[in-house]
């Protein structure tokens, strides 16, 4: 059942009211200093355009060098692997308006020797685990490295498509479990995550985010959804405050992932709906993993008291594609 838009807005308002009245979650005064002008300035000041040449289409994935992959493989101690993908969501919900399509073939009578199936998915959004390639978003008509969004047509994106990553992402992954940091099962929707939180987690988990790493931010979104039901995560969800973008840029991460869309929603930056996405994909050239299911990973990491692992992720090489559904794997 769809929730009427008026009710959806009311729910979002209630969540924000609760957050503003909860000790430790009040809106920081410094939030007000981050405006659209801030983001506009950071689009230039923190830009990676030209860093790896004017024709570069990999962005910060360039930081995943052969040596980085070798170092990541040395993290494998127990051989235990954990999927970071959400099982496909086949039923329509407020956060899944376009369910995963799965149609069986070859089940008619009389049956032959084989059965097969047809898959259909519109994977961008808040339901399906996927990767955003660098052609997914533009700013003033420009994508990463200054490539024109206008080049994209019905055949797809001739530049910055997901095919650039067909050799896979293999590097060190780090889980930043913010609910565990705050000693809660999950963050309430609308909770912002600040650089101070990221640094506090590094200290607690005894890890250090380094160049070429992939950072996964756990908010506990799926734990909350499984226990209380779906809500419109595009309107209100926990995630990174815009101030965290500079911190991540300074650490030179290769990719960013989360159990929602990385951005706190609402963004708290008037006139910029998803500043983390904008800065990462366009200015930094940093691809993003959205809607990862980090619950099993969090459990295994806590059991081993290890928050870093070898990450392997293989997007489908869709010609001209703006991204891909995929199944990232963490191996301890």
Foldseek 3Di string as FASTA:
>chain_A
DADDPVVQVVVLVVLVVVQCPDPPRNDDPCLVVDAVVNLVVCLPVLFCQQVVHLQDQQFLLVLCDPVQLVVQVVQFDPFDKDWQWDDFAQDDDLQCNDGKDKAKAQPDPPGDPDIDIDTDDPAPTWGGKWKFWLLQDDDPQATANGDGNVCADPLAAPGRAPLVQQVWQKGKEFEQEQCVLVVHLFARWLGEDAPVSVVSSCVVLVHDQAAAYEYEYERNVVVCCVVPNDGHSLATGYAYALNCLVVCSVRNYQAYEYLGFRAGHPRSHPPDRRSNCCCQSGRRVHMYTHNTRCPVVVVVCVVVSHRMFIKIWGADNRVNHRIHRTIIMGHD
